[in-house]
Amino acid sequence: MAKEIPSVGDLRRKSEVSDEEIEAATAAYLADESAKPFAFKYGHTIDVAKAIEMHPQARALLADEKTKPGLRRTMVKTAVILGFPVQG
């Protein structure tokens, strides 16, 4: 059986990714949507833009200019938590 790829949320439960790192990845994307993939302390990286692209609700809300900043932050953070990092 193939090994399941852990999400950022799974890695957070294992203490391989901290809440502070998730917040930092979120803030980095909100500051610059073309930012490079975010590197977590334990060697995992996540392409936040790709995580958003893979999350239909986040993609739709972030494309809408009327979406308020607080909801934008929440949707980016959700996409990060549900996204799949790569081992770097």
PDB file of N, CA and C in Angstrom:
ATOM      1  N   MET A   1       0.838  -1.183   0.000  1.00  0.00           N
ATOM      2  CA  MET A   1       0.000   0.000   0.000  1.00  0.00           C
ATOM      3  C   MET A   1       0.885   1.249   0.000  1.00  0.00           C
ATOM      4  N   ALA A   2       0.524   2.198  -0.822  1.00  0.00           N
ATOM      5  CA  ALA A   2       1.306   3.436  -0.912  1.00  0.00           C
ATOM      6  C   ALA A   2       1.171   4.259   0.357  1.00  0.00           C
ATOM      7  N   LYS A   3       2.248   4.913   0.704  1.00  0.00           N
ATOM      8  CA  LYS A   3       2.261   5.766   1.888  1.00  0.00           C
ATOM      9  C   LYS A   3       1.501   7.063   1.576  1.00  0.00           C
ATOM     10  N   GLU A   4       0.585   7.439   2.481  1.00  0.00           N
ATOM     11  CA  GLU A   4      -0.202   8.652   2.284  1.00  0.00           C
ATOM     12  C   GLU A   4       0.675   9.894   2.465  1.00  0.00           C
ATOM     13  N   ILE A   5       0.474  10.861   1.610  1.00  0.00           N
ATOM     14  CA  ILE A   5       1.223  12.116   1.701  1.00  0.00           C
ATOM     15  C   ILE A   5       0.567  12.965   2.783  1.00  0.00           C
ATOM     16  N   PRO A   6       1.333  13.410   3.781  1.00  0.00           N
ATOM     17  CA  PRO A   6       0.737  14.201   4.859  1.00  0.00           C
ATOM     18  C   PRO A   6       0.451  15.639   4.424  1.00  0.00           C
ATOM     19  N   SER A   7      -0.644  16.177   4.937  1.00  0.00           N
ATOM     20  CA  SER A   7      -0.944  17.589   4.712  1.00  0.00           C
ATOM     21  C   SER A   7      -0.177  18.412   5.741  1.00  0.00           C
ATOM     22  N   VAL A   8      -0.191  19.721   5.588  1.00  0.00           N
ATOM     23  CA  VAL A   8       0.422  20.591   6.593  1.00  0.00           C
ATOM     24  C   VAL A   8      -0.273  20.385   7.934  1.00  0.00           C
ATOM     25  N   GLY A   9      -1.590  20.188   7.912  1.00  0.00           N
ATOM     26  CA  GLY A   9      -2.330  19.919   9.142  1.00  0.00           C
ATOM     27  C   GLY A   9      -1.843  18.658   9.832  1.00  0.00           C
ATOM     28  N   ASP A  10      -1.562  17.604   9.048  1.00  0.00           N
ATOM     29  CA  ASP A  10      -1.016  16.366   9.619  1.00  0.00           C
ATOM     30  C   ASP A  10       0.343  16.632  10.251  1.00  0.00           C
ATOM     31  N   LEU A  11       1.173  17.401   9.565  1.00  0.00           N
ATOM     32  CA  LEU A  11       2.504  17.713  10.095  1.00  0.00           C
ATOM     33  C   LEU A  11       2.408  18.586  11.344  1.00  0.00           C
ATOM     34  N   ARG A  12       1.398  19.439  11.407  1.00  0.00           N
ATOM     35  CA  ARG A  12       1.198  20.262  12.605  1.00  0.00           C
ATOM     36  C   ARG A  12       0.864  19.375  13.798  1.00  0.00           C
ATOM     37  N   ARG A  13       0.030  18.368  13.588  1.00  0.00           N
ATOM     38  CA  ARG A  13      -0.315  17.436  14.674  1.00  0.00           C
ATOM     39  C   ARG A  13       0.910  16.657  15.157  1.00  0.00           C
ATOM     40  N   LYS A  14       1.868  16.436  14.282  1.00  0.00           N
ATOM     41  CA  LYS A  14       3.107  15.732  14.636  1.00  0.00           C
ATOM     42  C   LYS A  14       4.176  16.687  15.151  1.00  0.00           C
ATOM     43  N   SER A  15       3.844  17.948  15.272  1.00  0.00           N
ATOM     44  CA  SER A  15       4.764  19.005  15.723  1.00  0.00           C
ATOM     45  C   SER A  15       5.928  19.218  14.758  1.00  0.00           C
ATOM     46  N   GLU A  16       5.722  18.903  13.478  1.00  0.00           N
ATOM     47  CA  GLU A  16       6.750  19.166  12.470  1.00  0.00           C
ATOM     48  C   GLU A  16       6.530  20.521  11.801  1.00  0.00           C
ATOM     49  N   VAL A  17       5.363  21.112  12.031  1.00  0.00           N
ATOM     50  CA  VAL A  17       5.035  22.446  11.535  1.00  0.00           C
ATOM     51  C   VAL A  17       4.308  23.155  12.667  1.00  0.00           C
ATOM     52  N   SER A  18       4.719  24.377  12.974  1.00  0.00           N
ATOM     53  CA  SER A  18       4.092  25.115  14.077  1.00  0.00           C
ATOM     54  C   SER A  18       3.000  26.060  13.566  1.00  0.00           C
ATOM     55  N   ASP A  19       2.133  26.459  14.478  1.00  0.00           N
ATOM     56  CA  ASP A  19       1.106  27.445  14.135  1.00  0.00           C
ATOM     57  C   ASP A  19       1.746  28.745  13.664  1.00  0.00           C
ATOM     58  N   GLU A  20       2.880  29.098  14.275  1.00  0.00           N
ATOM     59  CA  GLU A  20       3.576  30.323  13.882  1.00  0.00           C
ATOM     60  C   GLU A  20       4.070  30.234  12.438  1.00  0.00           C
ATOM     61  N   GLU A  21       4.527  29.059  12.026  1.00  0.00           N
ATOM     62  CA  GLU A  21       4.986  28.888  10.641  1.00  0.00           C
ATOM     63  C   GLU A  21       3.815  28.980   9.665  1.00  0.00           C
ATOM     64  N   ILE A  22       2.669  28.426  10.056  1.00  0.00           N
ATOM     65  CA  ILE A  22       1.473  28.518   9.215  1.00  0.00           C
ATOM     66  C   ILE A  22       1.075  29.981   9.061  1.00  0.00           C
ATOM     67  N   GLU A  23       1.112  30.725  10.166  1.00  0.00           N
ATOM     68  CA  GLU A  23       0.810  32.164  10.106  1.00  0.00           C
ATOM     69  C   GLU A  23       1.818  32.894   9.223  1.00  0.00           C
ATOM     70  N   ALA A  24       3.086  32.529   9.321  1.00  0.00           N
ATOM     71  CA  ALA A  24       4.127  33.171   8.509  1.00  0.00           C
ATOM     72  C   ALA A  24       3.929  32.869   7.023  1.00  0.00           C
ATOM     73  N   ALA A  25       3.569  31.635   6.686  1.00  0.00           N
ATOM     74  CA  ALA A  25       3.312  31.276   5.285  1.00  0.00           C
ATOM     75  C   ALA A  25       2.123  32.065   4.754  1.00  0.00           C
ATOM     76  N   THR A  26       1.099  32.200   5.594  1.00  0.00           N
ATOM     77  CA  THR A  26      -0.088  32.964   5.217  1.00  0.00           C
ATOM     78  C   THR A  26       0.274  34.432   4.978  1.00  0.00           C
ATOM     79  N   ALA A  27       0.990  35.020   5.920  1.00  0.00           N
ATOM     80  CA  ALA A  27       1.387  36.427   5.810  1.00  0.00           C
ATOM     81  C   ALA A  27       2.277  36.661   4.595  1.00  0.00           C
ATOM     82  N   ALA A  28       3.187  35.747   4.321  1.00  0.00           N
ATOM     83  CA  ALA A  28       4.089  35.900   3.177  1.00  0.00           C
ATOM     84  C   ALA A  28       3.295  35.921   1.872  1.00  0.00           C
ATOM     85  N   TYR A  29       2.306  35.038   1.760  1.00  0.00           N
ATOM     86  CA  TYR A  29       1.494  35.018   0.539  1.00  0.00           C
ATOM     87  C   TYR A  29       0.660  36.293   0.419  1.00  0.00           C
ATOM     88  N   LEU A  30       0.051  36.723   1.534  1.00  0.00           N
ATOM     89  CA  LEU A  30      -0.780  37.922   1.485  1.00  0.00           C
ATOM     90  C   LEU A  30       0.043  39.164   1.141  1.00  0.00           C
ATOM     91  N   ALA A  31       1.302  39.185   1.530  1.00  0.00           N
ATOM     92  CA  ALA A  31       2.180  40.308   1.219  1.00  0.00           C
ATOM     93  C   ALA A  31       2.636  40.293  -0.240  1.00  0.00           C
ATOM     94  N   ASP A  32       2.783  39.080  -0.802  1.00  0.00           N
ATOM     95  CA  ASP A  32       3.275  38.947  -2.178  1.00  0.00           C
ATOM     96  C   ASP A  32       2.766  37.628  -2.750  1.00  0.00           C
ATOM     97  N   GLU A  33       1.727  37.709  -3.574  1.00  0.00           N
ATOM     98  CA  GLU A  33       1.113  36.499  -4.135  1.00  0.00           C
ATOM     99  C   GLU A  33       2.056  35.726  -5.058  1.00  0.00           C
ATOM    100  N   SER A  34       3.147  36.348  -5.459  1.00  0.00           N
ATOM    101  CA  SER A  34       4.114  35.652  -6.319  1.00  0.00           C
ATOM    102  C   SER A  34       5.327  35.163  -5.518  1.00  0.00           C
ATOM    103  N   ALA A  35       5.180  35.126  -4.207  1.00  0.00           N
ATOM    104  CA  ALA A  35       6.291  34.695  -3.351  1.00  0.00           C
ATOM    105  C   ALA A  35       6.704  33.249  -3.656  1.00  0.00           C
ATOM    106  N   LYS A  36       7.974  32.969  -3.414  1.00  0.00           N
ATOM    107  CA  LYS A  36       8.489  31.614  -3.603  1.00  0.00           C
ATOM    108  C   LYS A  36       7.816  30.675  -2.600  1.00  0.00           C
ATOM    109  N   PRO A  37       7.880  29.353  -2.817  1.00  0.00           N
ATOM    110  CA  PRO A  37       7.325  28.414  -1.836  1.00  0.00           C
ATOM    111  C   PRO A  37       7.891  28.684  -0.437  1.00  0.00           C
ATOM    112  N   PHE A  38       7.048  28.502   0.552  1.00  0.00           N
ATOM    113  CA  PHE A  38       7.419  28.779   1.935  1.00  0.00           C
ATOM    114  C   PHE A  38       8.102  27.555   2.530  1.00  0.00           C
ATOM    115  N   ALA A  39       9.234  27.765   3.193  1.00  0.00           N
ATOM    116  CA  ALA A  39       9.996  26.665   3.811  1.00  0.00           C
ATOM    117  C   ALA A  39       9.717  26.615   5.308  1.00  0.00           C
ATOM    118  N   PHE A  40       9.282  25.449   5.770  1.00  0.00           N
ATOM    119  CA  PHE A  40       9.072  25.209   7.188  1.00  0.00           C
ATOM    120  C   PHE A  40      10.377  24.752   7.827  1.00  0.00           C
ATOM    121  N   LYS A  41      10.451  24.857   9.118  1.00  0.00           N
ATOM    122  CA  LYS A  41      11.664  24.563   9.898  1.00  0.00           C
ATOM    123  C   LYS A  41      12.215  23.151   9.660  1.00  0.00           C
ATOM    124  N   TYR A  42      11.343  22.144   9.574  1.00  0.00           N
ATOM    125  CA  TYR A  42      11.814  20.765   9.467  1.00  0.00           C
ATOM    126  C   TYR A  42      12.063  20.306   8.033  1.00  0.00           C
ATOM    127  N   GLY A  43      12.172  21.252   7.102  1.00  0.00           N
ATOM    128  CA  GLY A  43      12.572  20.905   5.744  1.00  0.00           C
ATOM    129  C   GLY A  43      11.443  20.751   4.749  1.00  0.00           C
ATOM    130  N   HIS A  44      10.204  20.878   5.169  1.00  0.00           N
ATOM    131  CA  HIS A  44       9.084  20.818   4.243  1.00  0.00           C
ATOM    132  C   HIS A  44       8.882  22.200   3.627  1.00  0.00           C
ATOM    133  N   THR A  45       8.409  22.231   2.391  1.00  0.00           N
ATOM    134  CA  THR A  45       8.053  23.495   1.753  1.00  0.00           C
ATOM    135  C   THR A  45       6.646  23.366   1.181  1.00  0.00           C
ATOM    136  N   ILE A  46       5.977  24.513   1.048  1.00  0.00           N
ATOM    137  CA  ILE A  46       4.650  24.507   0.428  1.00  0.00           C
ATOM    138  C   ILE A  46       4.548  25.680  -0.531  1.00  0.00           C
ATOM    139  N   ASP A  47       4.001  25.396  -1.676  1.00  0.00           N
ATOM    140  CA  ASP A  47       3.696  26.431  -2.654  1.00  0.00           C
ATOM    141  C   ASP A  47       2.280  26.907  -2.320  1.00  0.00           C
ATOM    142  N   VAL A  48       2.182  28.033  -1.646  1.00  0.00           N
ATOM    143  CA  VAL A  48       0.892  28.517  -1.152  1.00  0.00           C
ATOM    144  C   VAL A  48      -0.053  28.806  -2.320  1.00  0.00           C
ATOM    145  N   ALA A  49       0.459  29.374  -3.399  1.00  0.00           N
ATOM    146  CA  ALA A  49      -0.391  29.660  -4.559  1.00  0.00           C
ATOM    147  C   ALA A  49      -0.999  28.371  -5.111  1.00  0.00           C
ATOM    148  N   LYS A  50      -0.220  27.311  -5.152  1.00  0.00           N
ATOM    149  CA  LYS A  50      -0.733  26.028  -5.642  1.00  0.00           C
ATOM    150  C   LYS A  50      -1.751  25.450  -4.659  1.00  0.00           C
ATOM    151  N   ALA A  51      -1.505  25.602  -3.358  1.00  0.00           N
ATOM    152  CA  ALA A  51      -2.459  25.122  -2.351  1.00  0.00           C
ATOM    153  C   ALA A  51      -3.798  25.837  -2.515  1.00  0.00           C
ATOM    154  N   ILE A  52      -3.750  27.134  -2.800  1.00  0.00           N
ATOM    155  CA  ILE A  52      -4.977  27.898  -3.019  1.00  0.00           C
ATOM    156  C   ILE A  52      -5.667  27.432  -4.291  1.00  0.00           C
ATOM    157  N   GLU A  53      -4.899  27.211  -5.331  1.00  0.00           N
ATOM    158  CA  GLU A  53      -5.462  26.735  -6.597  1.00  0.00           C
ATOM    159  C   GLU A  53      -6.176  25.394  -6.417  1.00  0.00           C
ATOM    160  N   MET A  54      -5.694  24.559  -5.526  1.00  0.00           N
ATOM    161  CA  MET A  54      -6.280  23.236  -5.294  1.00  0.00           C
ATOM    162  C   MET A  54      -7.488  23.287  -4.348  1.00  0.00           C
ATOM    163  N   HIS A  55      -7.757  24.431  -3.749  1.00  0.00           N
ATOM    164  CA  HIS A  55      -8.865  24.599  -2.802  1.00  0.00           C
ATOM    165  C   HIS A  55      -9.914  25.492  -3.473  1.00  0.00           C
ATOM    166  N   PRO A  56     -10.999  24.907  -4.027  1.00  0.00           N
ATOM    167  CA  PRO A  56     -11.956  25.693  -4.818  1.00  0.00           C
ATOM    168  C   PRO A  56     -12.547  26.908  -4.094  1.00  0.00           C
ATOM    169  N   GLN A  57     -12.897  26.763  -2.839  1.00  0.00           N
ATOM    170  CA  GLN A  57     -13.499  27.890  -2.124  1.00  0.00           C
ATOM    171  C   GLN A  57     -12.484  29.015  -1.910  1.00  0.00           C
ATOM    172  N   ALA A  58     -11.269  28.655  -1.541  1.00  0.00           N
ATOM    173  CA  ALA A  58     -10.228  29.670  -1.361  1.00  0.00           C
ATOM    174  C   ALA A  58      -9.954  30.369  -2.687  1.00  0.00           C
ATOM    175  N   ARG A  59      -9.848  29.595  -3.739  1.00  0.00           N
ATOM    176  CA  ARG A  59      -9.574  30.165  -5.064  1.00  0.00           C
ATOM    177  C   ARG A  59     -10.667  31.169  -5.447  1.00  0.00           C
ATOM    178  N   ALA A  60     -11.934  30.809  -5.246  1.00  0.00           N
ATOM    179  CA  ALA A  60     -13.049  31.682  -5.615  1.00  0.00           C
ATOM    180  C   ALA A  60     -13.080  32.951  -4.763  1.00  0.00           C
ATOM    181  N   LEU A  61     -12.934  32.809  -3.461  1.00  0.00           N
ATOM    182  CA  LEU A  61     -13.003  33.974  -2.581  1.00  0.00           C
ATOM    183  C   LEU A  61     -11.825  34.923  -2.782  1.00  0.00           C
ATOM    184  N   LEU A  62     -10.650  34.377  -3.028  1.00  0.00           N
ATOM    185  CA  LEU A  62      -9.489  35.238  -3.234  1.00  0.00           C
ATOM    186  C   LEU A  62      -9.526  35.946  -4.587  1.00  0.00           C
ATOM    187  N   ALA A  63     -10.246  35.385  -5.540  1.00  0.00           N
ATOM    188  CA  ALA A  63     -10.389  36.021  -6.847  1.00  0.00           C
ATOM    189  C   ALA A  63     -11.395  37.172  -6.801  1.00  0.00           C
ATOM    190  N   ASP A  64     -12.251  37.177  -5.784  1.00  0.00           N
ATOM    191  CA  ASP A  64     -13.285  38.211  -5.650  1.00  0.00           C
ATOM    192  C   ASP A  64     -12.710  39.414  -4.904  1.00  0.00           C
ATOM    193  N   GLU A  65     -12.637  40.549  -5.588  1.00  0.00           N
ATOM    194  CA  GLU A  65     -12.066  41.759  -4.984  1.00  0.00           C
ATOM    195  C   GLU A  65     -12.867  42.267  -3.789  1.00  0.00           C
ATOM    196  N   LYS A  66     -14.136  41.848  -3.669  1.00  0.00           N
ATOM    197  CA  LYS A  66     -14.985  42.296  -2.565  1.00  0.00           C
ATOM    198  C   LYS A  66     -14.752  41.506  -1.276  1.00  0.00           C
ATOM    199  N   THR A  67     -13.970  40.440  -1.346  1.00  0.00           N
ATOM    200  CA  THR A  67     -13.704  39.632  -0.160  1.00  0.00           C
ATOM    201  C   THR A  67     -12.911  40.453   0.844  1.00  0.00           C
ATOM    202  N   LYS A  68     -13.408  40.492   2.073  1.00  0.00           N
ATOM    203  CA  LYS A  68     -12.775  41.300   3.126  1.00  0.00           C
ATOM    204  C   LYS A  68     -11.440  40.698   3.558  1.00  0.00           C
ATOM    205  N   PRO A  69     -10.522  41.533   4.040  1.00  0.00           N
ATOM    206  CA  PRO A  69      -9.180  41.073   4.421  1.00  0.00           C
ATOM    207  C   PRO A  69      -9.177  39.904   5.426  1.00  0.00           C
ATOM    208  N   GLY A  70     -10.057  39.948   6.409  1.00  0.00           N
ATOM    209  CA  GLY A  70     -10.084  38.869   7.400  1.00  0.00           C
ATOM    210  C   GLY A  70     -10.442  37.532   6.777  1.00  0.00           C
ATOM    211  N   LEU A  71     -11.395  37.532   5.866  1.00  0.00           N
ATOM    212  CA  LEU A  71     -11.782  36.294   5.188  1.00  0.00           C
ATOM    213  C   LEU A  71     -10.683  35.852   4.234  1.00  0.00           C
ATOM    214  N   ARG A  72     -10.010  36.793   3.591  1.00  0.00           N
ATOM    215  CA  ARG A  72      -8.884  36.445   2.712  1.00  0.00           C
ATOM    216  C   ARG A  72      -7.826  35.698   3.519  1.00  0.00           C
ATOM    217  N   ARG A  73      -7.471  36.249   4.691  1.00  0.00           N
ATOM    218  CA  ARG A  73      -6.461  35.617   5.550  1.00  0.00           C
ATOM    219  C   ARG A  73      -6.906  34.214   5.960  1.00  0.00           C
ATOM    220  N   THR A  74      -8.162  34.093   6.353  1.00  0.00           N
ATOM    221  CA  THR A  74      -8.690  32.791   6.775  1.00  0.00           C
ATOM    222  C   THR A  74      -8.618  31.773   5.648  1.00  0.00           C
ATOM    223  N   MET A  75      -8.960  32.182   4.427  1.00  0.00           N
ATOM    224  CA  MET A  75      -8.949  31.249   3.309  1.00  0.00           C
ATOM    225  C   MET A  75      -7.531  30.849   2.919  1.00  0.00           C
ATOM    226  N   VAL A  76      -6.592  31.783   2.972  1.00  0.00           N
ATOM    227  CA  VAL A  76      -5.201  31.428   2.686  1.00  0.00           C
ATOM    228  C   VAL A  76      -4.706  30.449   3.747  1.00  0.00           C
ATOM    229  N   LYS A  77      -4.971  30.741   5.004  1.00  0.00           N
ATOM    230  CA  LYS A  77      -4.533  29.860   6.099  1.00  0.00           C
ATOM    231  C   LYS A  77      -5.152  28.466   5.950  1.00  0.00           C
ATOM    232  N   THR A  78      -6.424  28.409   5.601  1.00  0.00           N
ATOM    233  CA  THR A  78      -7.087  27.118   5.398  1.00  0.00           C
ATOM    234  C   THR A  78      -6.419  26.346   4.267  1.00  0.00           C
ATOM    235  N   ALA A  79      -6.143  27.023   3.175  1.00  0.00           N
ATOM    236  CA  ALA A  79      -5.484  26.360   2.042  1.00  0.00           C
ATOM    237  C   ALA A  79      -4.099  25.852   2.440  1.00  0.00           C
ATOM    238  N   VAL A  80      -3.374  26.620   3.251  1.00  0.00           N
ATOM    239  CA  VAL A  80      -2.056  26.180   3.723  1.00  0.00           C
ATOM    240  C   VAL A  80      -2.199  24.915   4.569  1.00  0.00           C
ATOM    241  N   ILE A  81      -3.112  24.934   5.530  1.00  0.00           N
ATOM    242  CA  ILE A  81      -3.292  23.780   6.431  1.00  0.00           C
ATOM    243  C   ILE A  81      -3.702  22.532   5.666  1.00  0.00           C
ATOM    244  N   LEU A  82      -4.562  22.688   4.672  1.00  0.00           N
ATOM    245  CA  LEU A  82      -5.026  21.533   3.912  1.00  0.00           C
ATOM    246  C   LEU A  82      -4.077  21.158   2.767  1.00  0.00           C
ATOM    247  N   GLY A  83      -3.108  22.030   2.483  1.00  0.00           N
ATOM    248  CA  GLY A  83      -2.184  21.790   1.382  1.00  0.00           C
ATOM    249  C   GLY A  83      -1.162  20.704   1.690  1.00  0.00           C
ATOM    250  N   PHE A  84      -0.533  20.232   0.631  1.00  0.00           N
ATOM    251  CA  PHE A  84       0.450  19.161   0.751  1.00  0.00           C
ATOM    252  C   PHE A  84       1.853  19.699   0.484  1.00  0.00           C
ATOM    253  N   PRO A  85       2.676  19.684   1.512  1.00  0.00           N
ATOM    254  CA  PRO A  85       4.056  20.171   1.327  1.00  0.00           C
ATOM    255  C   PRO A  85       4.926  19.090   0.696  1.00  0.00           C
ATOM    256  N   VAL A  86       6.094  19.506   0.294  1.00  0.00           N
ATOM    257  CA  VAL A  86       7.081  18.551  -0.192  1.00  0.00           C
ATOM    258  C   VAL A  86       8.254  18.553   0.768  1.00  0.00           C
ATOM    259  N   GLN A  87       8.922  17.432   0.854  1.00  0.00           N
ATOM    260  CA  GLN A  87      10.130  17.350   1.698  1.00  0.00           C
ATOM    261  C   GLN A  87      11.248  18.013   0.931  1.00  0.00           C
ATOM    262  N   GLY A  88      11.914  18.942   1.586  1.00  0.00           N
ATOM    263  CA  GLY A  88      12.952  19.686   0.885  1.00  0.00           C
ATOM    264  C   GLY A  88      14.254  19.298   1.375  1.00  0.00           C
TER     265      GLY A  88
END
